[in-house]
Every structure is written in structure tokens, then in C-alpha cells.
Amino acid sequence: YETLKAQKLLMKYDSPAGRALPKSMKDPEGYYYSARMIAMALTYNPNFVKNPPKSWRDLLDPRWKGKIVMSNPQTSGAALDTVGAWVMHYGEGYLKGLRANGAIVVRANGDVAAKVTSGEFPVGVILDYYVRSQNKKGSPIKLIYPSDGAVAIASPIAIFASSKYVAGAKAFLDYTISEEGQKTLRKFGHFIPVRDGMTPPKGAPTIKQINDTGLAMDWGYINHNTKKLLKTFSNIMLH
């Protein structure tokens, strides 16, 4: 969205509903707003794991060798953000440690959920709402927000400057970030609401808690180093 904004492809809009969002959940100039909070965290299958990893660093423990699955940053934006966070906080050596520990890369978060549910890989790196969604379908997998900080990702919403249906677009944006809209996203998408004071899904942190405890993110770094991060990941994890 920063790229779209820089290219002047987004419409500036002072949404009345957006005024209730925390400052960190909206563009200060009014070009986009956070619509949902998602977070990369840990998942495990309790049928195969009794003492699960509690932190990102725990994934490097030899007892998880050959038992970890994660999504590919080449096909998952959230995975790219996670790789960026790992490199920023732990260095490229962390990726080398995952590779040495036999971590397997699959295409998407849905694939991670399926493989952990089946027990093929009892531990995974996954977006939190996938676990809640799978639990609704009867999957036994459990979710852990890493003690060293989940990778919190505020998914934005905006209006294109070229929109031919501005009134409808504004109404939809307003609804999405309103309290009613956030309740809808929480109910059907299992997402953490981006408005202060709203109850999160069962077992999930509030928007303030996830922002306070999540890994510090430098979105500019990830944006400007995407190609380098993907190349580094590919060289270490996929070859």
C-alpha cells in the first residue's frame, strides 16, 4: 500500500469510522486503513506433540528436526513478512538453522494447516486465523503466539484513485473498519479486530497486546529488500 500510495494510485479519504482506529492502524495522511490484524505464529498437533515449541528460537532445537513446515515467501506475503522479521531480528543464520533442522517449505498457509492436522509435520509456522478456522472444522491443531513476538501484520484497505464508484467504495471501507464490520470479520474470518476495546477471538490477544508484544517490524526494510530476501530464502531453504 505504501508503493500504491507513492505511485498516487490511492484516493485520500478521511473515513469517519477510521477516527476510532489507533494511530498505528492507519496511514497518517488518510490513504489507507487497517482492516484486520493477522499474525504469524506457531501451530502444533497435540496428538503428536506434548511439549510444543514456545518461541521462534525453539524451532532450532534438534528435537524438532524434520518436524517443521512453513509456507513459501514466494507465494505468501505473510511468509515474506515473517522471513523479513527473522532476518532483521536474528540474521540470516536463523534461516540456515531452520534448513539444518530440516524445515520443509510448502506453498501456502492452508497447506501448513493440512499437514499439521494430518500429523505429517507436527509443528508449523502459520497465520493465526487459519488455526481458528481449522478448529471450527474439527481440526485438533493448537496455536501458540511465540514468546519472542508474533509477526503482526495489519492488512490494509483503501480506495483506488481511479474508482468509478466512490460512494460505494467509501461505504464499504467505512463498514469494514466500523465496530459492526469488525465484529463481522471476527465472526466469519476469525480475525483480531483493529479497533481498541474490542474483544478478540477466543484465545487471541487484543489489538493493543499484539502490537505491544509482536516483533518490531520495519516495513520499509521489507519493501525495499523484497528481492534480496526472496533470493536469500531460496538459496538457503530451497536448494
Protein backbone atom coordinates (compact mmCIF):
# COMPACT_ATOMS: atom_id res chain seq x y z
CA TYR A 1 0.00 0.00 0.00
CA GLU A 2 2.94 2.31 0.55
CA THR A 3 4.00 1.54 -3.02
CA LEU A 4 0.50 2.26 -4.33
CA LYS A 5 0.42 5.48 -2.34
CA ALA A 6 3.79 6.57 -3.71
CA GLN A 7 2.51 5.90 -7.23
CA LYS A 8 -0.52 8.11 -6.50
CA LEU A 9 -2.91 5.23 -7.15
CA LEU A 10 -4.86 5.59 -3.89
CA MET A 11 -7.61 8.06 -3.01
CA LYS A 12 -7.22 10.12 0.13
CA TYR A 13 -10.27 9.60 2.34
CA ASP A 14 -10.96 10.82 5.87
CA SER A 15 -13.19 7.96 6.99
CA PRO A 16 -15.41 8.81 9.99
CA ALA A 17 -15.06 5.21 11.16
CA GLY A 18 -11.29 5.45 10.85
CA ARG A 19 -11.07 8.15 13.51
CA ALA A 20 -11.60 5.48 16.18
CA LEU A 21 -8.63 3.38 15.00
CA PRO A 22 -5.30 3.56 16.84
CA LYS A 23 -2.77 5.76 15.02
CA SER A 24 -0.67 2.71 14.22
CA MET A 25 -3.64 1.19 12.38
CA LYS A 26 -3.98 3.86 9.69
CA ASP A 27 -1.99 5.94 7.27
CA PRO A 28 -1.45 9.39 8.87
CA GLU A 29 -2.36 11.03 5.56
CA GLY A 30 -5.59 9.06 5.16
CA TYR A 31 -4.77 6.95 2.10
CA TYR A 32 -5.38 3.55 3.71
CA TYR A 33 -6.63 1.95 6.93
CA SER A 34 -6.01 -1.37 8.64
CA ALA A 35 -8.97 -3.69 8.12
CA ARG A 36 -7.87 -6.75 10.08
CA MET A 37 -4.94 -7.89 12.18
CA ILE A 38 -3.35 -11.20 11.31
CA ALA A 39 -0.25 -12.70 12.87
CA MET A 40 2.29 -15.37 12.01
CA ALA A 41 2.61 -17.71 14.95
CA LEU A 42 3.26 -21.35 15.81
CA THR A 43 0.92 -24.30 15.48
CA TYR A 44 1.22 -27.91 16.59
CA ASN A 45 -0.79 -31.12 16.70
CA PRO A 46 -1.32 -32.22 20.33
CA ASN A 47 -1.86 -35.80 19.17
CA PHE A 48 1.83 -35.92 18.26
CA VAL A 49 3.41 -33.18 20.42
CA LYS A 50 3.06 -32.88 24.19
CA ASN A 51 5.65 -30.18 24.87
CA PRO A 52 5.47 -27.79 21.88
CA PRO A 53 7.94 -25.05 20.92
CA LYS A 54 7.13 -21.74 22.60
CA SER A 55 9.34 -19.34 20.63
CA TRP A 56 10.87 -18.84 17.18
CA ARG A 57 14.25 -19.81 18.58
CA ASP A 58 12.78 -23.08 19.85
CA LEU A 59 12.34 -24.18 16.23
CA LEU A 60 16.12 -24.57 16.02
CA ASP A 61 16.10 -27.20 18.79
CA PRO A 62 17.27 -30.57 17.37
CA ARG A 63 14.19 -32.30 18.78
CA TRP A 64 12.15 -30.64 16.01
CA LYS A 65 14.45 -31.85 13.24
CA GLY A 66 12.36 -32.88 10.24
CA LYS A 67 9.12 -31.95 12.02
CA ILE A 68 8.58 -28.31 10.95
CA VAL A 69 6.56 -27.00 8.00
CA MET A 70 6.13 -23.40 6.81
CA SER A 71 4.73 -21.52 3.81
CA ASN A 72 6.81 -20.12 0.96
CA PRO A 73 7.51 -16.35 0.91
CA GLN A 74 7.49 -16.54 -2.89
CA THR A 75 3.76 -17.32 -2.76
CA SER A 76 2.72 -15.94 0.64
CA GLY A 77 3.07 -12.28 1.54
CA ALA A 78 2.75 -13.08 5.24
CA ALA A 79 5.58 -15.60 4.94
CA LEU A 80 7.72 -12.92 3.28
CA ASP A 81 7.00 -10.56 6.18
CA THR A 82 7.97 -13.33 8.60
CA VAL A 83 11.24 -14.06 6.81
CA GLY A 84 11.98 -10.33 6.84
CA ALA A 85 11.32 -10.19 10.58
CA TRP A 86 13.51 -13.22 11.23
CA VAL A 87 16.40 -11.76 9.24
CA MET A 88 16.04 -8.35 10.90
CA HIS A 89 16.00 -9.78 14.43
CA TYR A 90 18.08 -12.96 14.20
CA GLY A 91 20.10 -12.62 11.00
CA GLU A 92 20.36 -14.98 8.03
CA GLY A 93 21.83 -17.56 10.40
CA TYR A 94 18.30 -18.23 11.63
CA LEU A 95 17.25 -19.42 8.17
CA LYS A 96 20.36 -21.59 8.00
CA GLY A 97 19.38 -23.06 11.33
CA LEU A 98 15.90 -23.89 10.07
CA ARG A 99 17.37 -25.55 6.99
CA ALA A 100 19.82 -27.56 9.11
CA ASN A 101 16.88 -28.65 11.24
CA GLY A 102 15.06 -29.97 8.18
CA ALA A 103 12.23 -27.42 7.99
CA ILE A 104 10.04 -28.08 4.94
CA VAL A 105 8.56 -25.33 2.76
CA VAL A 106 5.09 -25.66 1.19
CA ARG A 107 3.15 -23.26 -0.99
CA ALA A 108 0.61 -21.70 1.37
CA ASN A 109 -0.70 -21.43 4.92
CA GLY A 110 -3.59 -23.73 4.05
CA ASP A 111 -1.06 -26.43 3.17
CA VAL A 112 0.66 -25.90 6.52
CA ALA A 113 -2.69 -26.32 8.34
CA ALA A 114 -3.46 -29.52 6.43
CA LYS A 115 -0.07 -31.11 7.08
CA VAL A 116 -0.08 -30.28 10.79
CA THR A 117 -3.67 -31.52 11.10
CA SER A 118 -2.69 -34.84 9.48
CA GLY A 119 0.42 -35.11 11.65
CA GLU A 120 2.71 -35.34 8.62
CA PHE A 121 4.55 -32.42 10.20
CA PRO A 122 3.52 -31.95 13.84
CA VAL A 123 4.79 -28.36 14.10
CA GLY A 124 4.22 -25.42 11.76
CA VAL A 125 4.61 -21.70 11.17
CA ILE A 126 1.18 -20.34 10.28
CA LEU A 127 -1.19 -17.36 10.24
CA ASP A 128 -3.20 -17.41 13.44
CA TYR A 129 -6.66 -17.24 11.90
CA TYR A 130 -6.05 -20.42 9.89
CA VAL A 131 -5.79 -22.37 13.14
CA ARG A 132 -9.05 -20.88 14.47
CA SER A 133 -10.75 -21.65 11.17
CA GLN A 134 -9.47 -25.23 11.17
CA ASN A 135 -10.61 -25.69 14.78
CA LYS A 136 -14.15 -24.75 13.68
CA LYS A 137 -13.93 -27.61 11.20
CA GLY A 138 -12.84 -30.09 13.86
CA SER A 139 -9.05 -29.97 13.49
CA PRO A 140 -7.18 -30.62 16.76
CA ILE A 141 -4.28 -28.28 15.98
CA LYS A 142 -3.40 -25.62 18.55
CA LEU A 143 -2.00 -22.11 18.30
CA ILE A 144 0.90 -20.52 20.17
CA TYR A 145 1.87 -16.87 19.92
CA PRO A 146 5.69 -17.02 20.22
CA SER A 147 7.14 -15.68 23.45
CA ASP A 148 9.69 -13.68 21.47
CA GLY A 149 6.90 -12.00 19.49
CA ALA A 150 4.46 -12.93 16.76
CA VAL A 151 4.80 -11.28 13.36
CA ALA A 152 1.78 -8.96 13.48
CA ILE A 153 0.51 -7.85 10.08
CA ALA A 154 -2.17 -5.19 9.71
CA SER A 155 -3.94 -5.93 6.41
CA PRO A 156 -4.97 -2.60 4.84
CA ILE A 157 -7.99 -1.40 2.91
CA ALA A 158 -8.10 1.61 0.57
CA ILE A 159 -9.89 3.14 -2.40
CA PHE A 160 -8.26 3.36 -5.81
CA ALA A 161 -7.93 6.89 -7.16
CA SER A 162 -9.42 5.63 -10.42
CA SER A 163 -12.58 4.27 -8.76
CA LYS A 164 -15.81 4.93 -10.68
CA TYR A 165 -17.95 4.04 -7.67
CA VAL A 166 -16.56 6.31 -4.98
CA ALA A 167 -19.71 6.48 -2.84
CA GLY A 168 -19.99 2.68 -2.70
CA ALA A 169 -16.28 2.30 -2.05
CA LYS A 170 -16.41 4.75 0.85
CA ALA A 171 -19.45 2.99 2.31
CA PHE A 172 -17.72 -0.38 2.13
CA LEU A 173 -14.49 0.94 3.67
CA ASP A 174 -16.44 2.67 6.45
CA TYR A 175 -18.36 -0.52 7.23
CA THR A 176 -15.26 -2.71 7.22
CA ILE A 177 -13.45 -0.67 9.87
CA SER A 178 -16.59 0.16 11.89
CA GLU A 179 -17.36 -1.77 15.08
CA GLU A 180 -20.09 -3.71 13.27
CA GLY A 181 -17.78 -4.56 10.38
CA GLN A 182 -15.03 -5.67 12.74
CA LYS A 183 -17.49 -7.96 14.54
CA THR A 184 -18.36 -9.50 11.17
CA LEU A 185 -14.68 -10.09 10.35
CA ARG A 186 -14.12 -11.57 13.80
CA LYS A 187 -17.10 -13.91 13.45
CA PHE A 188 -16.57 -15.15 9.92
CA GLY A 189 -12.84 -14.64 9.42
CA HIS A 190 -11.61 -15.25 12.97
CA PHE A 191 -9.53 -12.06 12.76
CA ILE A 192 -8.32 -9.82 15.60
CA PRO A 193 -10.28 -6.52 15.44
CA VAL A 194 -8.21 -3.41 14.73
CA ARG A 195 -10.30 -1.12 16.92
CA ASP A 196 -9.27 -0.54 20.55
CA GLY A 197 -11.51 -2.05 23.20
CA MET A 198 -12.97 -4.82 21.07
CA THR A 199 -12.90 -8.41 22.27
CA PRO A 200 -10.59 -10.62 20.15
CA PRO A 201 -11.38 -14.19 19.10
CA LYS A 202 -11.16 -16.71 21.95
CA GLY A 203 -7.55 -17.24 22.97
CA ALA A 204 -6.23 -14.38 20.84
CA PRO A 205 -4.59 -11.18 22.11
CA THR A 206 -6.25 -7.79 21.75
CA ILE A 207 -5.01 -5.33 19.13
CA LYS A 208 -3.04 -3.50 21.84
CA GLN A 209 -1.48 -6.70 23.16
CA ILE A 210 -0.40 -7.97 19.74
CA ASN A 211 1.08 -4.58 18.88
CA ASP A 212 2.88 -4.33 22.23
CA THR A 213 4.33 -7.86 22.21
CA GLY A 214 4.84 -8.54 18.49
CA LEU A 215 8.25 -8.45 16.85
CA ALA A 216 9.20 -4.90 15.93
CA MET A 217 8.70 -4.53 12.18
CA ASP A 218 10.40 -2.27 9.65
CA TRP A 219 8.03 -2.38 6.68
CA GLY A 220 10.28 -0.09 4.68
CA TYR A 221 13.11 -2.59 5.04
CA ILE A 222 10.95 -5.45 3.80
CA ASN A 223 9.52 -3.35 0.96
CA HIS A 224 12.94 -2.25 -0.26
CA ASN A 225 14.62 -5.62 0.21
CA THR A 226 11.94 -8.00 -1.08
CA LYS A 227 14.04 -9.36 -3.95
CA LYS A 228 17.07 -9.82 -1.71
CA LEU A 229 15.02 -11.58 0.99
CA LEU A 230 13.43 -13.92 -1.54
CA LYS A 231 16.80 -14.73 -3.08
CA THR A 232 18.36 -15.35 0.33
CA PHE A 233 15.47 -17.59 1.36
CA SER A 234 15.61 -19.52 -1.88
CA ASN A 235 19.37 -20.06 -1.67
CA ILE A 236 19.19 -21.28 1.91
CA MET A 237 15.87 -23.10 2.15
CA LEU A 238 15.08 -24.31 -1.37
CA HIS A 239 18.40 -25.51 -2.78
